[in-house]
Each structure stands twice: as structure tokens, then as C-alpha cells.
Amino acid sequence: MKALYAERQEGQWVVVCLDFSLAAQDETLEGAKARLEAQIKEYVFDAIEGEDRAFAEQLLTRRAPCAQWARYYFIKALGFVREGVRRLLFEVIPLKPCRST
């Protein structure tokens, strides 16, 4: 499981994957999650089997900046999260190397 959180910002949902320092946005939470999942799949594929495999160690251990981790733990510490504003996401994202379609 990866550390993920989502926040609503200026009418858009922004979903952040802290373990790879990736983010995606969409008008809906489901759309943003789907975009991020596709981005993660492509990222892992490129790092393991694709054109970036020479840099796999660096890419697969790249983490978000401390400020984003602090934001994640702040949201987690709230204990309750307003559904319409921010959420922690406890979902398993498959990390096998496969091209997204």
C-alpha cells in the first residue's frame, strides 16, 4: 500500500502519492484516483522494464518533499476527515510493471 491523500482545491480533486512524489487532478475524486493509478502504473513500468530502468533505484525510492508528508500526517491526525474536502486513501494500487491502456 502506498501513502496517498486527496484534497479538494479550487473545484478540483488532487490526489497525491507520497512514495513516488506523483500527483493527479480531476473534477471528481474517482477521476483523479484513476488518473493517478494510471500514472503510477506507467511510472513503475518505465522504471522496471521501460526506458528508465537504468534509473530504477532512484525512481522507485523517490519520495515527496517533507511538506507533503507533513500534510499527510496532519490530515491523518485529524482523526475525522470531512468527506467533501480531504481524504486519506487506504487503497492498494497494483505495482506490477504493466503498461496502462
N, C-alpha and C. Protein backbone atom coordinates (compact mmCIF):
# COMPACT_ATOMS: atom_id res chain seq x y z
N MET A 1 0.85 -1.17 0.00
CA MET A 1 0.00 0.00 0.00
C MET A 1 0.89 1.24 0.00
N LYS A 2 0.52 2.21 -0.74
CA LYS A 2 1.26 3.47 -0.84
C LYS A 2 0.55 4.53 -0.02
N ALA A 3 1.32 5.54 0.42
CA ALA A 3 0.75 6.66 1.16
C ALA A 3 0.10 7.61 0.16
N LEU A 4 -1.20 7.74 0.26
CA LEU A 4 -1.97 8.59 -0.65
C LEU A 4 -2.89 9.50 0.15
N TYR A 5 -3.10 10.68 -0.38
CA TYR A 5 -4.15 11.53 0.18
C TYR A 5 -4.77 12.35 -0.94
N ALA A 6 -5.97 12.83 -0.68
CA ALA A 6 -6.70 13.63 -1.67
C ALA A 6 -7.23 14.88 -1.00
N GLU A 7 -7.19 15.97 -1.72
CA GLU A 7 -7.75 17.24 -1.23
C GLU A 7 -8.48 17.93 -2.37
N ARG A 8 -9.53 18.61 -1.99
CA ARG A 8 -10.28 19.41 -2.97
C ARG A 8 -9.68 20.80 -2.97
N GLN A 9 -9.23 21.23 -4.14
CA GLN A 9 -8.59 22.54 -4.29
C GLN A 9 -9.15 23.24 -5.52
N GLU A 10 -9.75 24.38 -5.29
CA GLU A 10 -10.27 25.22 -6.38
C GLU A 10 -11.14 24.43 -7.36
N GLY A 11 -12.07 23.63 -6.82
CA GLY A 11 -13.01 22.89 -7.65
C GLY A 11 -12.47 21.60 -8.25
N GLN A 12 -11.26 21.23 -7.92
CA GLN A 12 -10.64 20.02 -8.44
C GLN A 12 -10.21 19.13 -7.28
N TRP A 13 -10.26 17.82 -7.49
CA TRP A 13 -9.67 16.89 -6.53
C TRP A 13 -8.22 16.66 -6.94
N VAL A 14 -7.32 16.77 -5.99
CA VAL A 14 -5.90 16.50 -6.21
C VAL A 14 -5.55 15.28 -5.36
N VAL A 15 -5.04 14.24 -6.00
CA VAL A 15 -4.65 13.02 -5.31
C VAL A 15 -3.14 12.91 -5.40
N VAL A 16 -2.49 12.68 -4.25
CA VAL A 16 -1.03 12.68 -4.17
C VAL A 16 -0.54 11.32 -3.70
N CYS A 17 0.46 10.77 -4.40
CA CYS A 17 1.16 9.57 -3.99
C CYS A 17 2.52 10.01 -3.45
N LEU A 18 2.67 9.93 -2.13
CA LEU A 18 3.87 10.43 -1.48
C LEU A 18 5.10 9.55 -1.74
N ASP A 19 4.89 8.27 -1.93
CA ASP A 19 6.01 7.35 -2.10
C ASP A 19 6.75 7.54 -3.42
N PHE A 20 6.08 8.05 -4.43
CA PHE A 20 6.73 8.31 -5.72
C PHE A 20 6.72 9.78 -6.09
N SER A 21 6.19 10.63 -5.23
CA SER A 21 6.08 12.06 -5.49
C SER A 21 5.35 12.33 -6.81
N LEU A 22 4.17 11.73 -6.92
CA LEU A 22 3.33 11.90 -8.10
C LEU A 22 1.98 12.46 -7.66
N ALA A 23 1.32 13.17 -8.56
CA ALA A 23 0.00 13.71 -8.26
C ALA A 23 -0.83 13.78 -9.52
N ALA A 24 -2.14 13.74 -9.34
CA ALA A 24 -3.07 13.87 -10.46
C ALA A 24 -4.28 14.64 -9.98
N GLN A 25 -4.99 15.26 -10.91
CA GLN A 25 -6.18 16.01 -10.53
C GLN A 25 -7.29 15.77 -11.53
N ASP A 26 -8.52 15.98 -11.05
CA ASP A 26 -9.70 15.82 -11.88
C ASP A 26 -10.86 16.49 -11.14
N GLU A 27 -11.96 16.67 -11.84
CA GLU A 27 -13.14 17.27 -11.21
C GLU A 27 -13.77 16.35 -10.19
N THR A 28 -13.59 15.02 -10.35
CA THR A 28 -14.15 14.07 -9.39
C THR A 28 -13.02 13.33 -8.69
N LEU A 29 -13.30 12.85 -7.48
CA LEU A 29 -12.32 12.08 -6.74
C LEU A 29 -12.00 10.79 -7.49
N GLU A 30 -13.02 10.14 -8.02
CA GLU A 30 -12.81 8.89 -8.75
C GLU A 30 -11.94 9.12 -9.98
N GLY A 31 -12.17 10.22 -10.68
CA GLY A 31 -11.36 10.55 -11.86
C GLY A 31 -9.91 10.81 -11.51
N ALA A 32 -9.70 11.55 -10.43
CA ALA A 32 -8.32 11.85 -10.00
C ALA A 32 -7.61 10.57 -9.57
N LYS A 33 -8.31 9.69 -8.85
CA LYS A 33 -7.71 8.42 -8.44
C LYS A 33 -7.36 7.57 -9.65
N ALA A 34 -8.23 7.52 -10.64
CA ALA A 34 -7.97 6.73 -11.85
C ALA A 34 -6.76 7.29 -12.61
N ARG A 35 -6.67 8.60 -12.69
CA ARG A 35 -5.53 9.22 -13.38
C ARG A 35 -4.22 8.90 -12.65
N LEU A 36 -4.26 8.99 -11.31
CA LEU A 36 -3.05 8.71 -10.54
C LEU A 36 -2.65 7.24 -10.66
N GLU A 37 -3.62 6.35 -10.61
CA GLU A 37 -3.31 4.92 -10.74
C GLU A 37 -2.65 4.63 -12.09
N ALA A 38 -3.18 5.22 -13.15
CA ALA A 38 -2.58 5.03 -14.47
C ALA A 38 -1.16 5.60 -14.51
N GLN A 39 -0.97 6.74 -13.89
CA GLN A 39 0.35 7.38 -13.84
C GLN A 39 1.34 6.51 -13.06
N ILE A 40 0.89 5.94 -11.94
CA ILE A 40 1.77 5.08 -11.15
C ILE A 40 2.15 3.83 -11.93
N LYS A 41 1.18 3.21 -12.60
CA LYS A 41 1.47 2.01 -13.39
C LYS A 41 2.51 2.31 -14.47
N GLU A 42 2.35 3.40 -15.16
CA GLU A 42 3.30 3.80 -16.20
C GLU A 42 4.67 4.08 -15.61
N TYR A 43 4.69 4.75 -14.48
CA TYR A 43 5.93 5.11 -13.80
C TYR A 43 6.71 3.86 -13.39
N VAL A 44 6.00 2.90 -12.78
CA VAL A 44 6.64 1.66 -12.34
C VAL A 44 7.12 0.85 -13.55
N PHE A 45 6.30 0.79 -14.59
CA PHE A 45 6.70 0.06 -15.80
C PHE A 45 7.98 0.65 -16.37
N ASP A 46 8.01 1.97 -16.53
CA ASP A 46 9.19 2.62 -17.10
C ASP A 46 10.43 2.41 -16.23
N ALA A 47 10.24 2.38 -14.92
CA ALA A 47 11.38 2.21 -14.01
C ALA A 47 11.90 0.77 -14.01
N ILE A 48 11.02 -0.20 -14.18
CA ILE A 48 11.44 -1.60 -14.09
C ILE A 48 11.76 -2.21 -15.45
N GLU A 49 10.92 -1.94 -16.43
CA GLU A 49 11.09 -2.59 -17.73
C GLU A 49 11.26 -1.62 -18.89
N GLY A 50 10.97 -0.38 -18.68
CA GLY A 50 10.96 0.58 -19.77
C GLY A 50 12.27 1.32 -19.96
N GLU A 51 12.16 2.46 -20.59
CA GLU A 51 13.34 3.24 -20.97
C GLU A 51 14.10 3.83 -19.79
N ASP A 52 13.49 3.88 -18.62
CA ASP A 52 14.15 4.46 -17.45
C ASP A 52 14.73 3.43 -16.49
N ARG A 53 14.83 2.17 -16.92
CA ARG A 53 15.27 1.11 -16.00
C ARG A 53 16.69 1.32 -15.47
N ALA A 54 17.52 2.06 -16.17
CA ALA A 54 18.86 2.36 -15.66
C ALA A 54 18.79 3.22 -14.39
N PHE A 55 17.67 3.89 -14.18
CA PHE A 55 17.49 4.76 -13.03
C PHE A 55 16.47 4.20 -12.04
N ALA A 56 16.19 2.90 -12.12
CA ALA A 56 15.13 2.27 -11.32
C ALA A 56 15.32 2.52 -9.83
N GLU A 57 16.51 2.35 -9.32
CA GLU A 57 16.72 2.52 -7.88
C GLU A 57 16.34 3.93 -7.43
N GLN A 58 16.75 4.92 -8.18
CA GLN A 58 16.41 6.30 -7.83
C GLN A 58 14.92 6.55 -7.95
N LEU A 59 14.31 6.08 -9.03
CA LEU A 59 12.90 6.35 -9.27
C LEU A 59 11.99 5.64 -8.28
N LEU A 60 12.33 4.42 -7.90
CA LEU A 60 11.47 3.65 -7.02
C LEU A 60 11.64 4.00 -5.55
N THR A 61 12.62 4.85 -5.26
CA THR A 61 12.81 5.30 -3.87
C THR A 61 12.61 6.81 -3.75
N ARG A 62 12.10 7.42 -4.80
CA ARG A 62 11.85 8.86 -4.79
C ARG A 62 10.64 9.15 -3.91
N ARG A 63 10.79 10.07 -2.99
CA ARG A 63 9.71 10.42 -2.06
C ARG A 63 9.33 11.88 -2.21
N ALA A 64 8.12 12.18 -1.81
CA ALA A 64 7.63 13.56 -1.84
C ALA A 64 8.41 14.40 -0.84
N PRO A 65 8.40 15.72 -1.02
CA PRO A 65 9.06 16.61 -0.06
C PRO A 65 8.42 16.51 1.34
N CYS A 66 9.18 16.89 2.34
CA CYS A 66 8.73 16.81 3.74
C CYS A 66 7.41 17.56 3.96
N ALA A 67 7.21 18.66 3.28
CA ALA A 67 5.98 19.44 3.47
C ALA A 67 4.75 18.62 3.10
N GLN A 68 4.84 17.80 2.05
CA GLN A 68 3.70 16.97 1.66
C GLN A 68 3.48 15.83 2.66
N TRP A 69 4.56 15.26 3.19
CA TRP A 69 4.42 14.24 4.22
C TRP A 69 3.79 14.85 5.47
N ALA A 70 4.17 16.06 5.82
CA ALA A 70 3.59 16.74 6.98
C ALA A 70 2.09 16.94 6.75
N ARG A 71 1.71 17.30 5.54
CA ARG A 71 0.29 17.49 5.21
C ARG A 71 -0.47 16.17 5.38
N TYR A 72 0.12 15.09 4.89
CA TYR A 72 -0.48 13.76 5.03
C TYR A 72 -0.71 13.41 6.49
N TYR A 73 0.31 13.59 7.33
CA TYR A 73 0.18 13.26 8.74
C TYR A 73 -0.75 14.22 9.47
N PHE A 74 -0.84 15.46 9.02
CA PHE A 74 -1.80 16.40 9.59
C PHE A 74 -3.22 15.91 9.33
N ILE A 75 -3.49 15.52 8.09
CA ILE A 75 -4.81 15.00 7.74
C ILE A 75 -5.10 13.74 8.54
N LYS A 76 -4.12 12.86 8.66
CA LYS A 76 -4.28 11.62 9.41
C LYS A 76 -4.55 11.91 10.89
N ALA A 77 -3.88 12.91 11.43
CA ALA A 77 -4.02 13.25 12.85
C ALA A 77 -5.38 13.86 13.17
N LEU A 78 -6.06 14.39 12.19
CA LEU A 78 -7.38 14.97 12.44
C LEU A 78 -8.33 13.94 13.02
N GLY A 79 -8.12 12.69 12.67
CA GLY A 79 -8.97 11.63 13.19
C GLY A 79 -10.30 11.54 12.48
N PHE A 80 -10.84 12.63 12.12
CA PHE A 80 -12.04 12.66 11.30
C PHE A 80 -11.70 13.56 10.12
N VAL A 81 -12.18 13.20 8.99
CA VAL A 81 -11.86 13.94 7.77
C VAL A 81 -13.17 14.29 7.08
N ARG A 82 -13.32 15.55 6.82
CA ARG A 82 -14.53 15.99 6.12
C ARG A 82 -14.51 15.44 4.71
N GLU A 83 -15.46 14.62 4.39
CA GLU A 83 -15.52 13.89 3.12
C GLU A 83 -15.41 14.82 1.91
N GLY A 84 -16.02 15.98 1.95
CA GLY A 84 -16.02 16.85 0.79
C GLY A 84 -14.77 17.68 0.61
N VAL A 85 -13.81 17.59 1.52
CA VAL A 85 -12.64 18.46 1.45
C VAL A 85 -11.34 17.68 1.32
N ARG A 86 -11.14 16.67 2.19
CA ARG A 86 -9.89 15.91 2.12
C ARG A 86 -10.12 14.50 2.61
N ARG A 87 -9.27 13.61 2.12
CA ARG A 87 -9.38 12.21 2.49
C ARG A 87 -8.02 11.55 2.46
N LEU A 88 -7.80 10.61 3.37
CA LEU A 88 -6.69 9.69 3.25
C LEU A 88 -7.21 8.53 2.43
N LEU A 89 -6.40 8.00 1.59
CA LEU A 89 -6.84 6.89 0.75
C LEU A 89 -6.10 5.63 1.17
N PHE A 90 -6.84 4.64 1.60
CA PHE A 90 -6.26 3.38 2.03
C PHE A 90 -6.59 2.32 1.00
N GLU A 91 -6.01 2.44 -0.15
CA GLU A 91 -6.30 1.53 -1.23
C GLU A 91 -5.00 0.95 -1.75
N VAL A 92 -5.06 -0.30 -2.10
CA VAL A 92 -3.89 -0.95 -2.66
C VAL A 92 -3.86 -0.65 -4.15
N ILE A 93 -2.74 -0.14 -4.60
CA ILE A 93 -2.55 0.10 -6.03
C ILE A 93 -1.59 -0.96 -6.53
N PRO A 94 -1.99 -1.73 -7.53
CA PRO A 94 -1.10 -2.78 -8.03
C PRO A 94 0.19 -2.17 -8.58
N LEU A 95 1.31 -2.72 -8.17
CA LEU A 95 2.59 -2.18 -8.59
C LEU A 95 3.38 -3.14 -9.46
N LYS A 96 2.69 -3.95 -10.24
CA LYS A 96 3.40 -4.79 -11.18
C LYS A 96 3.67 -3.98 -12.43
N PRO A 97 4.76 -4.25 -13.09
CA PRO A 97 5.10 -3.48 -14.29
C PRO A 97 4.21 -3.84 -15.47
N CYS A 98 3.26 -2.98 -15.79
CA CYS A 98 2.42 -3.20 -16.96
C CYS A 98 2.04 -1.85 -17.54
N ARG A 99 2.00 -1.77 -18.82
CA ARG A 99 1.61 -0.54 -19.49
C ARG A 99 0.14 -0.29 -19.27
N SER A 100 -0.22 0.93 -18.95
CA SER A 100 -1.64 1.26 -18.84
C SER A 100 -2.20 1.41 -20.24
N THR A 101 -3.47 1.13 -20.38
CA THR A 101 -4.06 1.20 -21.72
C THR A 101 -4.89 2.43 -21.89
